[in-house]
């Protein structure tokens, strides 16, 4: 089950999530980024950090 933590990409944020698939996980991350960090469009360099930080 893939998991993600905001702190693993250097954010001062306690958010952690997991999902059955990486696609589901990315949807949860995108929703959190929008609501908590006001990131509406994830830039490519941030997306690369996110993908690298996902634990499988």
PDB file of N, CA and C in Angstrom:
ATOM      1  N   UNK A   1       0.847  -1.180   0.000  1.00  0.00           N
ATOM      2  CA  UNK A   1       0.000   0.000   0.000  1.00  0.00           C
ATOM      3  C   UNK A   1       0.894   1.246   0.000  1.00  0.00           C
ATOM      4  N   UNK A   2       0.793   2.080  -1.021  1.00  0.00           N
ATOM      5  CA  UNK A   2       1.632   3.282  -1.070  1.00  0.00           C
ATOM      6  C   UNK A   2       1.237   4.310   0.001  1.00  0.00           C
ATOM      7  N   UNK A   3       2.253   4.957   0.557  1.00  0.00           N
ATOM      8  CA  UNK A   3       2.041   5.982   1.582  1.00  0.00           C
ATOM      9  C   UNK A   3       2.842   7.232   1.242  1.00  0.00           C
ATOM     10  N   UNK A   4       2.408   8.364   1.828  1.00  0.00           N
ATOM     11  CA  UNK A   4       3.077   9.635   1.597  1.00  0.00           C
ATOM     12  C   UNK A   4       2.996  10.479   2.851  1.00  0.00           C
ATOM     13  N   UNK A   5       4.080  11.216   3.142  1.00  0.00           N
ATOM     14  CA  UNK A   5       4.135  12.176   4.259  1.00  0.00           C
ATOM     15  C   UNK A   5       4.675  13.493   3.718  1.00  0.00           C
ATOM     16  N   UNK A   6       3.977  14.591   4.024  1.00  0.00           N
ATOM     17  CA  UNK A   6       4.443  15.917   3.590  1.00  0.00           C
ATOM     18  C   UNK A   6       5.862  16.207   4.092  1.00  0.00           C
ATOM     19  N   UNK A   7       6.143  15.796   5.322  1.00  0.00           N
ATOM     20  CA  UNK A   7       7.467  16.102   5.886  1.00  0.00           C
ATOM     21  C   UNK A   7       8.597  15.463   5.084  1.00  0.00           C
ATOM     22  N   UNK A   8       8.295  14.391   4.327  1.00  0.00           N
ATOM     23  CA  UNK A   8       9.331  13.731   3.528  1.00  0.00           C
ATOM     24  C   UNK A   8       9.764  14.557   2.313  1.00  0.00           C
ATOM     25  N   UNK A   9       9.003  15.616   1.995  1.00  0.00           N
ATOM     26  CA  UNK A   9       9.427  16.508   0.906  1.00  0.00           C
ATOM     27  C   UNK A   9       9.802  17.887   1.450  1.00  0.00           C
ATOM     28  N   UNK A  10      10.049  17.943   2.768  1.00  0.00           N
ATOM     29  CA  UNK A  10      10.544  19.165   3.375  1.00  0.00           C
ATOM     30  C   UNK A  10       9.475  20.147   3.841  1.00  0.00           C
ATOM     31  N   UNK A  11       8.204  19.723   3.840  1.00  0.00           N
ATOM     32  CA  UNK A  11       7.132  20.605   4.291  1.00  0.00           C
ATOM     33  C   UNK A  11       7.003  20.510   5.807  1.00  0.00           C
ATOM     34  N   UNK A  12       6.685  21.620   6.444  1.00  0.00           N
ATOM     35  CA  UNK A  12       6.424  21.638   7.885  1.00  0.00           C
ATOM     36  C   UNK A  12       4.933  21.354   8.062  1.00  0.00           C
ATOM     37  N   UNK A  13       4.566  20.088   7.867  1.00  0.00           N
ATOM     38  CA  UNK A  13       3.161  19.691   7.826  1.00  0.00           C
ATOM     39  C   UNK A  13       3.051  18.244   8.312  1.00  0.00           C
ATOM     40  N   UNK A  14       2.093  17.958   9.183  1.00  0.00           N
ATOM     41  CA  UNK A  14       1.961  16.602   9.724  1.00  0.00           C
ATOM     42  C   UNK A  14       1.165  15.645   8.832  1.00  0.00           C
ATOM     43  N   UNK A  15       0.732  16.085   7.638  1.00  0.00           N
ATOM     44  CA  UNK A  15      -0.109  15.265   6.770  1.00  0.00           C
ATOM     45  C   UNK A  15       0.568  13.959   6.379  1.00  0.00           C
ATOM     46  N   UNK A  16      -0.167  12.860   6.561  1.00  0.00           N
ATOM     47  CA  UNK A  16       0.246  11.531   6.116  1.00  0.00           C
ATOM     48  C   UNK A  16      -0.971  10.861   5.517  1.00  0.00           C
ATOM     49  N   UNK A  17      -0.777  10.090   4.450  1.00  0.00           N
ATOM     50  CA  UNK A  17      -1.901   9.385   3.849  1.00  0.00           C
ATOM     51  C   UNK A  17      -1.418   8.109   3.180  1.00  0.00           C
ATOM     52  N   UNK A  18      -2.366   7.221   2.929  1.00  0.00           N
ATOM     53  CA  UNK A  18      -2.078   6.000   2.189  1.00  0.00           C
ATOM     54  C   UNK A  18      -3.316   5.648   1.367  1.00  0.00           C
ATOM     55  N   UNK A  19      -3.124   4.777   0.398  1.00  0.00           N
ATOM     56  CA  UNK A  19      -4.229   4.355  -0.460  1.00  0.00           C
ATOM     57  C   UNK A  19      -3.896   2.988  -1.057  1.00  0.00           C
ATOM     58  N   UNK A  20      -4.896   2.376  -1.648  1.00  0.00           N
ATOM     59  CA  UNK A  20      -4.690   1.057  -2.262  1.00  0.00           C
ATOM     60  C   UNK A  20      -3.810   1.142  -3.498  1.00  0.00           C
ATOM     61  N   UNK A  21      -3.931   2.247  -4.238  1.00  0.00           N
ATOM     62  CA  UNK A  21      -3.136   2.401  -5.458  1.00  0.00           C
ATOM     63  C   UNK A  21      -2.425   3.750  -5.445  1.00  0.00           C
ATOM     64  N   UNK A  22      -1.395   3.867  -6.273  1.00  0.00           N
ATOM     65  CA  UNK A  22      -0.672   5.143  -6.365  1.00  0.00           C
ATOM     66  C   UNK A  22      -1.571   6.231  -6.971  1.00  0.00           C
ATOM     67  N   UNK A  23      -2.460   5.847  -7.886  1.00  0.00           N
ATOM     68  CA  UNK A  23      -3.389   6.822  -8.469  1.00  0.00           C
ATOM     69  C   UNK A  23      -4.304   7.417  -7.401  1.00  0.00           C
ATOM     70  N   UNK A  24      -4.848   6.558  -6.533  1.00  0.00           N
ATOM     71  CA  UNK A  24      -5.699   7.036  -5.429  1.00  0.00           C
ATOM     72  C   UNK A  24      -4.895   7.933  -4.497  1.00  0.00           C
ATOM     73  N   UNK A  25      -3.663   7.532  -4.232  1.00  0.00           N
ATOM     74  CA  UNK A  25      -2.790   8.303  -3.356  1.00  0.00           C
ATOM     75  C   UNK A  25      -2.533   9.690  -3.940  1.00  0.00           C
ATOM     76  N   UNK A  26      -2.269   9.753  -5.242  1.00  0.00           N
ATOM     77  CA  UNK A  26      -2.009  11.041  -5.889  1.00  0.00           C
ATOM     78  C   UNK A  26      -3.228  11.960  -5.804  1.00  0.00           C
ATOM     79  N   UNK A  27      -4.425  11.395  -5.883  1.00  0.00           N
ATOM     80  CA  UNK A  27      -5.637  12.213  -5.750  1.00  0.00           C
ATOM     81  C   UNK A  27      -5.739  12.804  -4.346  1.00  0.00           C
ATOM     82  N   UNK A  28      -5.423  11.996  -3.335  1.00  0.00           N
ATOM     83  CA  UNK A  28      -5.446  12.483  -1.951  1.00  0.00           C
ATOM     84  C   UNK A  28      -4.398  13.570  -1.733  1.00  0.00           C
ATOM     85  N   UNK A  29      -3.211  13.369  -2.298  1.00  0.00           N
ATOM     86  CA  UNK A  29      -2.134  14.352  -2.173  1.00  0.00           C
ATOM     87  C   UNK A  29      -2.527  15.661  -2.845  1.00  0.00           C
ATOM     88  N   UNK A  30      -3.103  15.565  -4.045  1.00  0.00           N
ATOM     89  CA  UNK A  30      -3.519  16.765  -4.786  1.00  0.00           C
ATOM     90  C   UNK A  30      -4.586  17.538  -4.018  1.00  0.00           C
ATOM     91  N   UNK A  31      -5.539  16.826  -3.437  1.00  0.00           N
ATOM     92  CA  UNK A  31      -6.590  17.489  -2.659  1.00  0.00           C
ATOM     93  C   UNK A  31      -5.994  18.196  -1.443  1.00  0.00           C
ATOM     94  N   UNK A  32      -5.086  17.521  -0.748  1.00  0.00           N
ATOM     95  CA  UNK A  32      -4.426  18.112   0.423  1.00  0.00           C
ATOM     96  C   UNK A  32      -3.599  19.335   0.015  1.00  0.00           C
ATOM     97  N   UNK A  33      -2.842  19.217  -1.071  1.00  0.00           N
ATOM     98  CA  UNK A  33      -1.998  20.327  -1.533  1.00  0.00           C
ATOM     99  C   UNK A  33      -2.848  21.559  -1.825  1.00  0.00           C
ATOM    100  N   UNK A  34      -3.994  21.342  -2.428  1.00  0.00           N
ATOM    101  CA  UNK A  34      -4.886  22.445  -2.769  1.00  0.00           C
ATOM    102  C   UNK A  34      -5.466  23.105  -1.526  1.00  0.00           C
ATOM    103  N   UNK A  35      -5.977  22.286  -0.611  1.00  0.00           N
ATOM    104  CA  UNK A  35      -6.660  22.819   0.583  1.00  0.00           C
ATOM    105  C   UNK A  35      -5.688  23.370   1.631  1.00  0.00           C
ATOM    106  N   UNK A  36      -4.634  22.631   1.914  1.00  0.00           N
ATOM    107  CA  UNK A  36      -3.745  23.002   3.024  1.00  0.00           C
ATOM    108  C   UNK A  36      -2.609  23.934   2.608  1.00  0.00           C
ATOM    109  N   UNK A  37      -2.158  23.825   1.369  1.00  0.00           N
ATOM    110  CA  UNK A  37      -0.981  24.580   0.944  1.00  0.00           C
ATOM    111  C   UNK A  37      -1.279  25.558  -0.191  1.00  0.00           C
ATOM    112  N   UNK A  38      -2.530  25.625  -0.607  1.00  0.00           N
ATOM    113  CA  UNK A  38      -2.962  26.510  -1.693  1.00  0.00           C
ATOM    114  C   UNK A  38      -2.158  26.278  -2.976  1.00  0.00           C
ATOM    115  N   UNK A  39      -1.840  25.011  -3.224  1.00  0.00           N
ATOM    116  CA  UNK A  39      -1.137  24.630  -4.451  1.00  0.00           C
ATOM    117  C   UNK A  39      -2.189  24.025  -5.380  1.00  0.00           C
ATOM    118  N   UNK A  40      -2.607  24.794  -6.370  1.00  0.00           N
ATOM    119  CA  UNK A  40      -3.665  24.348  -7.287  1.00  0.00           C
ATOM    120  C   UNK A  40      -3.104  23.504  -8.424  1.00  0.00           C
ATOM    121  N   UNK A  41      -1.917  23.862  -8.902  1.00  0.00           N
ATOM    122  CA  UNK A  41      -1.237  23.105  -9.952  1.00  0.00           C
ATOM    123  C   UNK A  41       0.143  22.745  -9.430  1.00  0.00           C
ATOM    124  N   UNK A  42       0.435  21.458  -9.390  1.00  0.00           N
ATOM    125  CA  UNK A  42       1.720  20.998  -8.856  1.00  0.00           C
ATOM    126  C   UNK A  42       2.789  21.144  -9.938  1.00  0.00           C
ATOM    127  N   UNK A  43       3.816  21.980  -9.682  1.00  0.00           N
ATOM    128  CA  UNK A  43       4.896  22.139 -10.671  1.00  0.00           C
ATOM    129  C   UNK A  43       5.688  20.827 -10.836  1.00  0.00           C
ATOM    130  N   UNK A  44       6.291  20.624 -12.006  1.00  0.00           N
ATOM    131  CA  UNK A  44       7.007  19.367 -12.280  1.00  0.00           C
ATOM    132  C   UNK A  44       8.077  19.018 -11.242  1.00  0.00           C
ATOM    133  N   UNK A  45       8.812  20.030 -10.746  1.00  0.00           N
ATOM    134  CA  UNK A  45       9.873  19.700  -9.779  1.00  0.00           C
ATOM    135  C   UNK A  45       9.281  19.226  -8.447  1.00  0.00           C
ATOM    136  N   UNK A  46       8.125  19.759  -8.058  1.00  0.00           N
ATOM    137  CA  UNK A  46       7.459  19.291  -6.836  1.00  0.00           C
ATOM    138  C   UNK A  46       6.872  17.904  -7.058  1.00  0.00           C
ATOM    139  N   UNK A  47       6.320  17.656  -8.233  1.00  0.00           N
ATOM    140  CA  UNK A  47       5.778  16.325  -8.549  1.00  0.00           C
ATOM    141  C   UNK A  47       6.875  15.270  -8.471  1.00  0.00           C
ATOM    142  N   UNK A  48       8.059  15.600  -8.936  1.00  0.00           N
ATOM    143  CA  UNK A  48       9.182  14.658  -8.870  1.00  0.00           C
ATOM    144  C   UNK A  48       9.527  14.336  -7.412  1.00  0.00           C
ATOM    145  N   UNK A  49       9.518  15.363  -6.548  1.00  0.00           N
ATOM    146  CA  UNK A  49       9.783  15.137  -5.110  1.00  0.00           C
ATOM    147  C   UNK A  49       8.711  14.251  -4.499  1.00  0.00           C
ATOM    148  N   UNK A  50       7.454  14.522  -4.844  1.00  0.00           N
ATOM    149  CA  UNK A  50       6.339  13.739  -4.302  1.00  0.00           C
ATOM    150  C   UNK A  50       6.484  12.279  -4.704  1.00  0.00           C
ATOM    151  N   UNK A  51       6.708  12.035  -5.993  1.00  0.00           N
ATOM    152  CA  UNK A  51       6.823  10.654  -6.467  1.00  0.00           C
ATOM    153  C   UNK A  51       7.991   9.925  -5.809  1.00  0.00           C
ATOM    154  N   UNK A  52       9.087  10.645  -5.595  1.00  0.00           N
ATOM    155  CA  UNK A  52      10.258  10.040  -4.943  1.00  0.00           C
ATOM    156  C   UNK A  52       9.974   9.698  -3.475  1.00  0.00           C
ATOM    157  N   UNK A  53       9.094  10.493  -2.826  1.00  0.00           N
ATOM    158  CA  UNK A  53       8.808  10.316  -1.404  1.00  0.00           C
ATOM    159  C   UNK A  53       7.747   9.255  -1.133  1.00  0.00           C
ATOM    160  N   UNK A  54       7.068   8.783  -2.166  1.00  0.00           N
ATOM    161  CA  UNK A  54       6.040   7.749  -1.958  1.00  0.00           C
ATOM    162  C   UNK A  54       6.700   6.434  -1.594  1.00  0.00           C
ATOM    163  N   UNK A  55       6.262   5.889  -0.470  1.00  0.00           N
ATOM    164  CA  UNK A  55       6.757   4.582  -0.005  1.00  0.00           C
ATOM    165  C   UNK A  55       5.781   3.511  -0.476  1.00  0.00           C
ATOM    166  N   UNK A  56       6.308   2.464  -1.041  1.00  0.00           N
ATOM    167  CA  UNK A  56       5.430   1.411  -1.591  1.00  0.00           C
ATOM    168  C   UNK A  56       5.313   0.236  -0.659  1.00  0.00           C
TER     169      UNK A  56
END
